[in-house]
């Protein structure tokens, strides 16, 4: 999916839906919880944790490319993951809506 992404490219990711959190199993979150996205089939397929979103969406982006992620869901502050460098956080009244410009730091 990212084969044609180059340094200097800007990408946009948008998610509006349910978000939640779950116990952090790998110990990378100060809070002890991973942020999650709850897709429409989460009852049968499970939630998508921030670590997986980072691995699938953010990590493959080459150095120098940017990902702008707009997450309109509860507990979205750490999606795609706390492993990303937040360049321009936008303050929101609650954590339910957060927008941030992310650059993958390698």
Protein backbone atom coordinates (compact mmCIF):
# COMPACT_ATOMS: atom_id res chain seq x y z
CA UNK A 1 0.00 0.00 0.00
CA UNK A 2 2.91 2.38 0.69
CA UNK A 3 5.19 1.32 -2.17
CA UNK A 4 4.80 4.67 -3.96
CA UNK A 5 5.09 6.92 -0.89
CA UNK A 6 8.23 9.08 -0.93
CA UNK A 7 9.93 11.55 1.40
CA UNK A 8 8.03 14.83 1.18
CA UNK A 9 4.66 13.13 0.62
CA UNK A 10 1.75 13.87 2.96
CA UNK A 11 -0.85 11.22 3.77
CA UNK A 12 -4.26 11.56 5.43
CA UNK A 13 -5.99 9.02 7.66
CA UNK A 14 -9.49 9.64 8.99
CA UNK A 15 -11.54 7.53 11.38
CA UNK A 16 -14.90 8.46 12.89
CA UNK A 17 -16.43 5.81 15.08
CA UNK A 18 -16.16 4.16 18.44
CA UNK A 19 -12.93 4.09 20.39
CA UNK A 20 -12.02 2.47 23.65
CA UNK A 21 -9.04 1.23 25.56
CA UNK A 22 -7.75 -2.12 26.73
CA UNK A 23 -5.07 -3.34 29.10
CA UNK A 24 -1.58 -2.77 27.67
CA UNK A 25 0.02 -6.19 27.26
CA UNK A 26 3.50 -5.14 26.10
CA UNK A 27 4.20 -2.40 28.66
CA UNK A 28 4.72 0.50 26.23
CA UNK A 29 1.99 2.77 27.65
CA UNK A 30 2.49 4.92 30.76
CA UNK A 31 -1.22 4.67 31.51
CA UNK A 32 -1.22 0.88 31.36
CA UNK A 33 -3.81 0.97 28.56
CA UNK A 34 -3.70 0.79 24.78
CA UNK A 35 -6.08 3.04 22.84
CA UNK A 36 -8.31 1.14 20.43
CA UNK A 37 -10.56 1.59 17.44
CA UNK A 38 -13.80 -0.40 17.50
CA UNK A 39 -14.76 -1.44 13.95
CA UNK A 40 -18.33 -2.49 13.22
CA UNK A 41 -17.39 -6.18 13.68
CA UNK A 42 -15.42 -5.74 16.91
CA UNK A 43 -17.82 -8.05 18.80
CA UNK A 44 -16.57 -10.97 16.71
CA UNK A 45 -13.19 -9.74 15.40
CA UNK A 46 -12.00 -7.64 18.35
CA UNK A 47 -10.79 -4.08 18.70
CA UNK A 48 -7.79 -2.70 16.82
CA UNK A 49 -5.10 -1.54 19.25
CA UNK A 50 -2.87 1.47 18.69
CA UNK A 51 0.25 -0.71 18.41
CA UNK A 52 -1.28 -2.61 15.47
CA UNK A 53 -2.39 0.60 13.78
CA UNK A 54 1.16 1.92 14.12
CA UNK A 55 2.66 -1.29 12.69
CA UNK A 56 0.26 -1.44 9.73
CA UNK A 57 -0.25 2.24 8.90
CA UNK A 58 2.48 4.45 10.36
CA UNK A 59 5.64 2.33 10.52
CA UNK A 60 5.73 1.53 6.75
CA UNK A 61 5.77 5.22 5.83
CA UNK A 62 9.28 6.20 4.67
CA UNK A 63 11.40 8.74 6.52
CA UNK A 64 10.48 12.26 5.49
CA UNK A 65 6.85 11.49 4.65
CA UNK A 66 4.10 12.75 6.95
CA UNK A 67 0.86 11.22 8.12
CA UNK A 68 -1.96 13.50 9.20
CA UNK A 69 -4.32 11.42 11.33
CA UNK A 70 -7.77 12.69 12.30
CA UNK A 71 -9.28 10.37 14.87
CA UNK A 72 -12.84 11.20 15.89
CA UNK A 73 -13.32 8.63 18.64
CA UNK A 74 -12.96 8.19 22.39
CA UNK A 75 -9.44 7.48 23.70
CA UNK A 76 -7.92 8.57 20.39
CA UNK A 77 -5.00 10.56 21.74
CA UNK A 78 -2.53 7.66 21.27
CA UNK A 79 -3.78 6.42 17.90
CA UNK A 80 -1.82 5.45 15.74
CA UNK A 81 0.57 4.98 18.68
CA UNK A 82 2.68 6.62 21.31
CA UNK A 83 5.66 5.57 19.16
CA UNK A 84 5.06 8.49 16.78
CA UNK A 85 6.37 12.00 17.13
CA UNK A 86 3.54 14.49 17.53
CA UNK A 87 4.56 17.60 15.62
CA UNK A 88 1.48 19.82 15.85
CA UNK A 89 -1.07 18.70 18.43
CA UNK A 90 -4.40 20.48 18.27
CA UNK A 91 -6.07 21.00 21.60
CA UNK A 92 -9.57 19.58 21.93
CA UNK A 93 -12.02 20.04 24.78
CA UNK A 94 -11.98 16.30 25.38
CA UNK A 95 -9.97 13.33 24.19
CA UNK A 96 -12.94 12.24 22.07
CA UNK A 97 -11.73 14.31 19.14
CA UNK A 98 -8.05 14.72 18.48
CA UNK A 99 -6.22 15.77 15.36
CA UNK A 100 -2.50 15.57 15.06
CA UNK A 101 0.12 15.80 12.39
CA UNK A 102 2.53 12.93 12.74
CA UNK A 103 5.94 12.37 11.30
CA UNK A 104 7.56 8.99 11.58
CA UNK A 105 10.90 9.43 13.30
CA UNK A 106 13.51 6.81 12.45
